């Protein structure tokens, strides 16, 4: 890191921190993740740019906030720094201050704006009360043949009925270690953001199943043509 201070905000490097959120950290809300990251940045002595105005605060943004209880291998946090700093050093310092379950995989210069995000993939494992996973798999395959999947989704204007069919794709369902395992590709981003729970709830209701255990892991955030968000 150099000692040269950058005063022009337009010339400050925009960094993107890629991190995992796993284990007990899945119970940390998005608001608390924001606070946790800001504390980690201060302890790690990362020269983050502070917003101007009445209430200055570290400039950090999160592209696609994760639902509480979900784990992820592909979270991102954007920030600006006021001095040049090696990206590997940023990762190393943050990892030395972050709590268990939050791990920085890499830090790099931003390539794309969050507006480019179009899709996210989720790996899901399910177990049901009184229903073997083999039977649940057959129910799922039958359910996914539906020409429409109507659900109620909360929007800024209140509850609204939407059809998940164009926005959710099922991939590679199977039985593994006593669980029904599947992958869902869901529309994501500023224009449209589909929570996989909407699909799962619609499935369990249609199949009259009671969930005993569920584990959701976000595995990728994608742009058009399934290009990774970087």
C-alpha atoms as a PDB file:
ATOM      1  CA  UNK A   1       0.000   0.000   0.000  1.00  0.00           C
ATOM      2  CA  UNK A   2       1.240   3.439  -0.852  1.00  0.00           C
ATOM      3  CA  UNK A   3       0.940   6.572   1.280  1.00  0.00           C
ATOM      4  CA  UNK A   4      -0.516   8.595  -1.599  1.00  0.00           C
ATOM      5  CA  UNK A   5      -3.970   9.841  -0.627  1.00  0.00           C
ATOM      6  CA  UNK A   6      -6.565   9.990  -3.404  1.00  0.00           C
ATOM      7  CA  UNK A   7      -8.869  12.963  -2.932  1.00  0.00           C
ATOM      8  CA  UNK A   8     -10.852  12.813  -6.169  1.00  0.00           C
ATOM      9  CA  UNK A   9     -13.713  10.358  -5.544  1.00  0.00           C
ATOM     10  CA  UNK A  10     -13.925   9.598  -9.272  1.00  0.00           C
ATOM     11  CA  UNK A  11     -10.357   8.312  -9.221  1.00  0.00           C
ATOM     12  CA  UNK A  12     -10.722   6.112  -6.148  1.00  0.00           C
ATOM     13  CA  UNK A  13     -10.406   2.378  -6.885  1.00  0.00           C
ATOM     14  CA  UNK A  14     -13.710   0.510  -6.696  1.00  0.00           C
ATOM     15  CA  UNK A  15     -13.127  -2.907  -5.160  1.00  0.00           C
ATOM     16  CA  UNK A  16     -15.373  -5.934  -4.994  1.00  0.00           C
ATOM     17  CA  UNK A  17     -14.922  -8.346  -2.078  1.00  0.00           C
ATOM     18  CA  UNK A  18     -16.145 -11.896  -2.784  1.00  0.00           C
ATOM     19  CA  UNK A  19     -16.963 -13.799   0.383  1.00  0.00           C
ATOM     20  CA  UNK A  20     -18.710 -16.897   1.728  1.00  0.00           C
ATOM     21  CA  UNK A  21     -21.404 -16.945   4.377  1.00  0.00           C
ATOM     22  CA  UNK A  22     -21.699 -20.408   5.901  1.00  0.00           C
ATOM     23  CA  UNK A  23     -22.348 -22.266   9.148  1.00  0.00           C
ATOM     24  CA  UNK A  24     -23.748 -20.221  12.012  1.00  0.00           C
ATOM     25  CA  UNK A  25     -23.211 -17.026  10.027  1.00  0.00           C
ATOM     26  CA  UNK A  26     -26.339 -17.885   8.016  1.00  0.00           C
ATOM     27  CA  UNK A  27     -28.356 -16.575  10.979  1.00  0.00           C
ATOM     28  CA  UNK A  28     -26.791 -13.097  10.728  1.00  0.00           C
ATOM     29  CA  UNK A  29     -29.289 -10.736   9.105  1.00  0.00           C
ATOM     30  CA  UNK A  30     -28.338  -8.550   6.162  1.00  0.00           C
ATOM     31  CA  UNK A  31     -28.424  -5.420   8.357  1.00  0.00           C
ATOM     32  CA  UNK A  32     -26.048  -7.039  10.839  1.00  0.00           C
ATOM     33  CA  UNK A  33     -23.801  -8.263   8.005  1.00  0.00           C
ATOM     34  CA  UNK A  34     -23.472  -4.637   6.935  1.00  0.00           C
ATOM     35  CA  UNK A  35     -22.491  -3.598  10.471  1.00  0.00           C
ATOM     36  CA  UNK A  36     -20.147  -6.571  10.832  1.00  0.00           C
ATOM     37  CA  UNK A  37     -18.337  -5.727   7.601  1.00  0.00           C
ATOM     38  CA  UNK A  38     -17.954  -2.083   8.554  1.00  0.00           C
ATOM     39  CA  UNK A  39     -16.403  -3.082  11.885  1.00  0.00           C
ATOM     40  CA  UNK A  40     -14.095  -5.534  10.112  1.00  0.00           C
ATOM     41  CA  UNK A  41     -12.978  -2.849   7.662  1.00  0.00           C
ATOM     42  CA  UNK A  42     -12.098  -0.531  10.545  1.00  0.00           C
ATOM     43  CA  UNK A  43     -10.195  -3.226  12.464  1.00  0.00           C
ATOM     44  CA  UNK A  44      -8.374  -4.280   9.309  1.00  0.00           C
ATOM     45  CA  UNK A  45      -7.409  -0.633   8.688  1.00  0.00           C
ATOM     46  CA  UNK A  46      -8.716  -0.687   5.121  1.00  0.00           C
ATOM     47  CA  UNK A  47      -8.738   2.937   3.829  1.00  0.00           C
ATOM     48  CA  UNK A  48     -12.428   2.994   2.939  1.00  0.00           C
ATOM     49  CA  UNK A  49     -13.981   6.150   1.529  1.00  0.00           C
ATOM     50  CA  UNK A  50     -16.674   7.665   3.746  1.00  0.00           C
ATOM     51  CA  UNK A  51     -19.767   9.233   2.273  1.00  0.00           C
ATOM     52  CA  UNK A  52     -20.117  12.966   2.644  1.00  0.00           C
ATOM     53  CA  UNK A  53     -22.965  14.829   4.273  1.00  0.00           C
ATOM     54  CA  UNK A  54     -24.605  15.054   7.696  1.00  0.00           C
ATOM     55  CA  UNK A  55     -24.027  11.399   8.621  1.00  0.00           C
ATOM     56  CA  UNK A  56     -20.784  10.130   7.010  1.00  0.00           C
ATOM     57  CA  UNK A  57     -20.423   6.331   6.895  1.00  0.00           C
ATOM     58  CA  UNK A  58     -18.189   3.836   5.075  1.00  0.00           C
ATOM     59  CA  UNK A  59     -19.240   3.449   1.456  1.00  0.00           C
ATOM     60  CA  UNK A  60     -20.172  -0.230   1.090  1.00  0.00           C
ATOM     61  CA  UNK A  61     -22.837  -1.849  -1.065  1.00  0.00           C
ATOM     62  CA  UNK A  62     -24.078  -5.435  -1.372  1.00  0.00           C
ATOM     63  CA  UNK A  63     -25.297  -6.534  -4.794  1.00  0.00           C
ATOM     64  CA  UNK A  64     -27.832  -9.237  -3.883  1.00  0.00           C
ATOM     65  CA  UNK A  65     -28.715  -9.490  -0.166  1.00  0.00           C
ATOM     66  CA  UNK A  66     -29.104 -13.075   1.046  1.00  0.00           C
ATOM     67  CA  UNK A  67     -32.205 -14.345   2.846  1.00  0.00           C
ATOM     68  CA  UNK A  68     -31.808 -15.132   6.539  1.00  0.00           C
ATOM     69  CA  UNK A  69     -31.016 -18.806   7.092  1.00  0.00           C
ATOM     70  CA  UNK A  70     -29.425 -19.287   3.665  1.00  0.00           C
ATOM     71  CA  UNK A  71     -25.745 -20.062   3.145  1.00  0.00           C
ATOM     72  CA  UNK A  72     -23.744 -18.757   0.208  1.00  0.00           C
ATOM     73  CA  UNK A  73     -20.460 -19.250  -1.611  1.00  0.00           C
ATOM     74  CA  UNK A  74     -20.785 -16.104  -3.717  1.00  0.00           C
ATOM     75  CA  UNK A  75     -21.611 -12.965  -1.701  1.00  0.00           C
ATOM     76  CA  UNK A  76     -20.158  -9.621  -2.760  1.00  0.00           C
ATOM     77  CA  UNK A  77     -19.431  -6.303  -1.077  1.00  0.00           C
ATOM     78  CA  UNK A  78     -18.363  -3.221  -3.025  1.00  0.00           C
ATOM     79  CA  UNK A  79     -16.270  -0.418  -1.566  1.00  0.00           C
ATOM     80  CA  UNK A  80     -14.052   2.489  -2.512  1.00  0.00           C
ATOM     81  CA  UNK A  81     -10.617   3.035  -1.029  1.00  0.00           C
ATOM     82  CA  UNK A  82      -8.755   6.308  -0.637  1.00  0.00           C
ATOM     83  CA  UNK A  83      -5.267   4.834  -1.072  1.00  0.00           C
ATOM     84  CA  UNK A  84      -3.949   2.200  -3.450  1.00  0.00           C
ATOM     85  CA  UNK A  85      -3.857  -1.212  -1.790  1.00  0.00           C
ATOM     86  CA  UNK A  86      -3.050  -4.708  -3.005  1.00  0.00           C
ATOM     87  CA  UNK A  87      -6.233  -6.791  -3.392  1.00  0.00           C
ATOM     88  CA  UNK A  88      -4.681  -9.858  -1.773  1.00  0.00           C
ATOM     89  CA  UNK A  89      -3.721  -7.728   1.218  1.00  0.00           C
ATOM     90  CA  UNK A  90      -7.315  -6.520   1.542  1.00  0.00           C
ATOM     91  CA  UNK A  91      -8.507 -10.145   1.602  1.00  0.00           C
ATOM     92  CA  UNK A  92      -5.864 -11.188   4.119  1.00  0.00           C
ATOM     93  CA  UNK A  93      -6.624  -8.341   6.504  1.00  0.00           C
ATOM     94  CA  UNK A  94     -10.381  -8.856   6.365  1.00  0.00           C
ATOM     95  CA  UNK A  95     -10.077 -12.591   6.988  1.00  0.00           C
ATOM     96  CA  UNK A  96      -8.035 -11.852  10.096  1.00  0.00           C
ATOM     97  CA  UNK A  97     -10.914  -9.810  11.559  1.00  0.00           C
ATOM     98  CA  UNK A  98     -14.119 -11.487  10.331  1.00  0.00           C
ATOM     99  CA  UNK A  99     -16.079 -13.876  12.588  1.00  0.00           C
ATOM    100  CA  UNK A 100     -16.489 -17.599  11.988  1.00  0.00           C
ATOM    101  CA  UNK A 101     -18.574 -18.369   8.911  1.00  0.00           C
ATOM    102  CA  UNK A 102     -17.607 -15.242   6.955  1.00  0.00           C
ATOM    103  CA  UNK A 103     -14.622 -15.872   4.694  1.00  0.00           C
ATOM    104  CA  UNK A 104     -13.251 -13.658   1.928  1.00  0.00           C
ATOM    105  CA  UNK A 105     -12.397 -15.715  -1.167  1.00  0.00           C
ATOM    106  CA  UNK A 106     -10.859 -12.890  -3.167  1.00  0.00           C
ATOM    107  CA  UNK A 107     -10.849  -9.139  -3.706  1.00  0.00           C
ATOM    108  CA  UNK A 108     -10.677  -7.597  -7.168  1.00  0.00           C
ATOM    109  CA  UNK A 109     -11.440  -4.427  -9.080  1.00  0.00           C
ATOM    110  CA  UNK A 110     -15.095  -4.167 -10.061  1.00  0.00           C
ATOM    111  CA  UNK A 111     -15.831  -5.310 -13.593  1.00  0.00           C
ATOM    112  CA  UNK A 112     -19.609  -5.048 -13.841  1.00  0.00           C
ATOM    113  CA  UNK A 113     -22.369  -3.046 -12.188  1.00  0.00           C
ATOM    114  CA  UNK A 114     -24.949  -4.909 -10.040  1.00  0.00           C
ATOM    115  CA  UNK A 115     -27.549  -4.001 -12.670  1.00  0.00           C
ATOM    116  CA  UNK A 116     -26.009  -6.746 -14.837  1.00  0.00           C
ATOM    117  CA  UNK A 117     -27.195  -9.507 -12.473  1.00  0.00           C
ATOM    118  CA  UNK A 118     -29.922 -11.627 -14.054  1.00  0.00           C
ATOM    119  CA  UNK A 119     -29.939 -14.959 -12.202  1.00  0.00           C
ATOM    120  CA  UNK A 120     -28.782 -16.857  -9.127  1.00  0.00           C
ATOM    121  CA  UNK A 121     -28.366 -20.582  -8.578  1.00  0.00           C
ATOM    122  CA  UNK A 122     -29.214 -22.433  -5.361  1.00  0.00           C
ATOM    123  CA  UNK A 123     -28.360 -25.930  -4.179  1.00  0.00           C
ATOM    124  CA  UNK A 124     -31.141 -27.223  -1.944  1.00  0.00           C
ATOM    125  CA  UNK A 125     -31.506 -30.282   0.289  1.00  0.00           C
ATOM    126  CA  UNK A 126     -34.893 -31.262   1.708  1.00  0.00           C
ATOM    127  CA  UNK A 127     -36.285 -33.896   4.053  1.00  0.00           C
ATOM    128  CA  UNK A 128     -39.988 -34.434   4.703  1.00  0.00           C
ATOM    129  CA  UNK A 129     -42.098 -35.796   7.534  1.00  0.00           C
ATOM    130  CA  UNK A 130     -43.377 -39.301   6.721  1.00  0.00           C
ATOM    131  CA  UNK A 131     -42.278 -39.192   3.072  1.00  0.00           C
ATOM    132  CA  UNK A 132     -39.192 -41.029   1.757  1.00  0.00           C
ATOM    133  CA  UNK A 133     -36.957 -38.847  -0.444  1.00  0.00           C
ATOM    134  CA  UNK A 134     -37.568 -41.192  -3.406  1.00  0.00           C
ATOM    135  CA  UNK A 135     -41.297 -40.477  -3.215  1.00  0.00           C
ATOM    136  CA  UNK A 136     -40.658 -36.753  -2.752  1.00  0.00           C
ATOM    137  CA  UNK A 137     -38.504 -36.822  -5.899  1.00  0.00           C
ATOM    138  CA  UNK A 138     -41.394 -38.246  -7.927  1.00  0.00           C
ATOM    139  CA  UNK A 139     -43.726 -35.586  -6.513  1.00  0.00           C
ATOM    140  CA  UNK A 140     -41.204 -32.899  -7.478  1.00  0.00           C
ATOM    141  CA  UNK A 141     -40.783 -34.157 -11.046  1.00  0.00           C
ATOM    142  CA  UNK A 142     -44.545 -34.192 -11.481  1.00  0.00           C
ATOM    143  CA  UNK A 143     -44.918 -30.720  -9.926  1.00  0.00           C
ATOM    144  CA  UNK A 144     -42.264 -29.219 -12.202  1.00  0.00           C
ATOM    145  CA  UNK A 145     -44.216 -30.297 -15.288  1.00  0.00           C
ATOM    146  CA  UNK A 146     -46.823 -27.668 -14.454  1.00  0.00           C
ATOM    147  CA  UNK A 147     -47.323 -25.099 -17.196  1.00  0.00           C
ATOM    148  CA  UNK A 148     -47.701 -22.413 -14.523  1.00  0.00           C
ATOM    149  CA  UNK A 149     -46.722 -22.061 -10.865  1.00  0.00           C
ATOM    150  CA  UNK A 150     -48.878 -19.347  -9.320  1.00  0.00           C
ATOM    151  CA  UNK A 151     -47.788 -17.910  -5.965  1.00  0.00           C
ATOM    152  CA  UNK A 152     -48.360 -14.782  -3.914  1.00  0.00           C
ATOM    153  CA  UNK A 153     -45.308 -12.515  -3.697  1.00  0.00           C
ATOM    154  CA  UNK A 154     -44.891  -9.447  -1.530  1.00  0.00           C
ATOM    155  CA  UNK A 155     -44.066  -6.343  -3.567  1.00  0.00           C
ATOM    156  CA  UNK A 156     -43.758  -2.646  -2.777  1.00  0.00           C
ATOM    157  CA  UNK A 157     -47.441  -2.307  -3.638  1.00  0.00           C
ATOM    158  CA  UNK A 158     -48.515  -5.233  -1.483  1.00  0.00           C
ATOM    159  CA  UNK A 159     -49.185  -8.912  -2.196  1.00  0.00           C
ATOM    160  CA  UNK A 160     -49.369  -9.853  -5.869  1.00  0.00           C
ATOM    161  CA  UNK A 161     -49.968 -13.127  -7.676  1.00  0.00           C
ATOM    162  CA  UNK A 162     -47.122 -14.069 -10.019  1.00  0.00           C
ATOM    163  CA  UNK A 163     -46.240 -17.051 -12.180  1.00  0.00           C
ATOM    164  CA  UNK A 164     -42.856 -18.559 -11.293  1.00  0.00           C
ATOM    165  CA  UNK A 165     -42.713 -20.719 -14.405  1.00  0.00           C
ATOM    166  CA  UNK A 166     -40.733 -18.248 -16.589  1.00  0.00           C
ATOM    167  CA  UNK A 167     -38.379 -17.293 -13.759  1.00  0.00           C
ATOM    168  CA  UNK A 168     -37.407 -20.575 -12.063  1.00  0.00           C
ATOM    169  CA  UNK A 169     -35.669 -23.599 -13.593  1.00  0.00           C
ATOM    170  CA  UNK A 170     -35.198 -26.963 -11.877  1.00  0.00           C
ATOM    171  CA  UNK A 171     -31.946 -28.804 -12.490  1.00  0.00           C
ATOM    172  CA  UNK A 172     -30.537 -32.230 -11.511  1.00  0.00           C
ATOM    173  CA  UNK A 173     -33.000 -33.366  -8.817  1.00  0.00           C
ATOM    174  CA  UNK A 174     -31.857 -36.579  -7.108  1.00  0.00           C
ATOM    175  CA  UNK A 175     -31.759 -38.457  -3.807  1.00  0.00           C
ATOM    176  CA  UNK A 176     -28.548 -38.160  -1.827  1.00  0.00           C
ATOM    177  CA  UNK A 177     -27.798 -39.327   1.735  1.00  0.00           C
ATOM    178  CA  UNK A 178     -31.464 -39.457   2.689  1.00  0.00           C
ATOM    179  CA  UNK A 179     -32.269 -35.994   1.309  1.00  0.00           C
ATOM    180  CA  UNK A 180     -34.027 -34.766  -1.795  1.00  0.00           C
ATOM    181  CA  UNK A 181     -31.348 -32.691  -3.512  1.00  0.00           C
ATOM    182  CA  UNK A 182     -31.978 -30.198  -6.310  1.00  0.00           C
ATOM    183  CA  UNK A 183     -30.640 -27.075  -7.946  1.00  0.00           C
ATOM    184  CA  UNK A 184     -32.786 -24.063  -8.778  1.00  0.00           C
ATOM    185  CA  UNK A 185     -31.921 -21.221 -11.134  1.00  0.00           C
ATOM    186  CA  UNK A 186     -33.981 -18.179 -10.158  1.00  0.00           C
ATOM    187  CA  UNK A 187     -34.351 -14.760 -11.753  1.00  0.00           C
ATOM    188  CA  UNK A 188     -32.392 -12.246  -9.691  1.00  0.00           C
ATOM    189  CA  UNK A 189     -31.353  -8.630  -9.764  1.00  0.00           C
ATOM    190  CA  UNK A 190     -32.848  -5.159  -9.649  1.00  0.00           C
ATOM    191  CA  UNK A 191     -35.649  -5.779 -12.156  1.00  0.00           C
ATOM    192  CA  UNK A 192     -36.827  -9.092 -10.693  1.00  0.00           C
ATOM    193  CA  UNK A 193     -35.680 -11.101  -7.694  1.00  0.00           C
ATOM    194  CA  UNK A 194     -37.221 -14.518  -7.013  1.00  0.00           C
ATOM    195  CA  UNK A 195     -36.629 -16.213  -3.668  1.00  0.00           C
ATOM    196  CA  UNK A 196     -36.361 -20.013  -4.095  1.00  0.00           C
ATOM    197  CA  UNK A 197     -38.575 -20.418  -1.026  1.00  0.00           C
ATOM    198  CA  UNK A 198     -41.538 -19.368  -3.198  1.00  0.00           C
ATOM    199  CA  UNK A 199     -40.988 -22.421  -5.411  1.00  0.00           C
ATOM    200  CA  UNK A 200     -40.338 -24.747  -2.475  1.00  0.00           C
ATOM    201  CA  UNK A 201     -43.473 -23.609  -0.630  1.00  0.00           C
ATOM    202  CA  UNK A 202     -45.576 -24.034  -3.766  1.00  0.00           C
ATOM    203  CA  UNK A 203     -44.183 -27.550  -4.235  1.00  0.00           C
ATOM    204  CA  UNK A 204     -44.753 -28.713  -0.660  1.00  0.00           C
ATOM    205  CA  UNK A 205     -48.273 -27.308  -0.685  1.00  0.00           C
ATOM    206  CA  UNK A 206     -49.132 -28.971  -4.013  1.00  0.00           C
ATOM    207  CA  UNK A 207     -47.674 -32.307  -2.875  1.00  0.00           C
ATOM    208  CA  UNK A 208     -49.179 -31.997   0.624  1.00  0.00           C
ATOM    209  CA  UNK A 209     -45.771 -32.500   2.262  1.00  0.00           C
ATOM    210  CA  UNK A 210     -44.476 -31.214   5.592  1.00  0.00           C
ATOM    211  CA  UNK A 211     -40.854 -30.116   5.582  1.00  0.00           C
ATOM    212  CA  UNK A 212     -38.663 -31.646   8.284  1.00  0.00           C
ATOM    213  CA  UNK A 213     -35.342 -30.132   7.250  1.00  0.00           C
ATOM    214  CA  UNK A 214     -34.191 -27.692   4.590  1.00  0.00           C
ATOM    215  CA  UNK A 215     -30.759 -26.420   3.618  1.00  0.00           C
ATOM    216  CA  UNK A 216     -30.289 -23.718   0.974  1.00  0.00           C
ATOM    217  CA  UNK A 217     -26.883 -22.762  -0.446  1.00  0.00           C
ATOM    218  CA  UNK A 218     -26.455 -20.027  -3.043  1.00  0.00           C
ATOM    219  CA  UNK A 219     -23.747 -21.267  -5.399  1.00  0.00           C
ATOM    220  CA  UNK A 220     -23.537 -18.585  -8.103  1.00  0.00           C
ATOM    221  CA  UNK A 221     -24.684 -15.115  -9.102  1.00  0.00           C
ATOM    222  CA  UNK A 222     -24.913 -14.817 -12.876  1.00  0.00           C
ATOM    223  CA  UNK A 223     -25.349 -12.270 -15.645  1.00  0.00           C
ATOM    224  CA  UNK A 224     -26.724 -12.846 -19.142  1.00  0.00           C
ATOM    225  CA  UNK A 225     -25.672 -16.088 -20.865  1.00  0.00           C
ATOM    226  CA  UNK A 226     -24.826 -17.542 -17.426  1.00  0.00           C
ATOM    227  CA  UNK A 227     -21.694 -15.391 -17.195  1.00  0.00           C
ATOM    228  CA  UNK A 228     -20.392 -15.125 -13.585  1.00  0.00           C
ATOM    229  CA  UNK A 229     -20.925 -11.752 -11.922  1.00  0.00           C
ATOM    230  CA  UNK A 230     -17.509 -10.177 -11.298  1.00  0.00           C
END
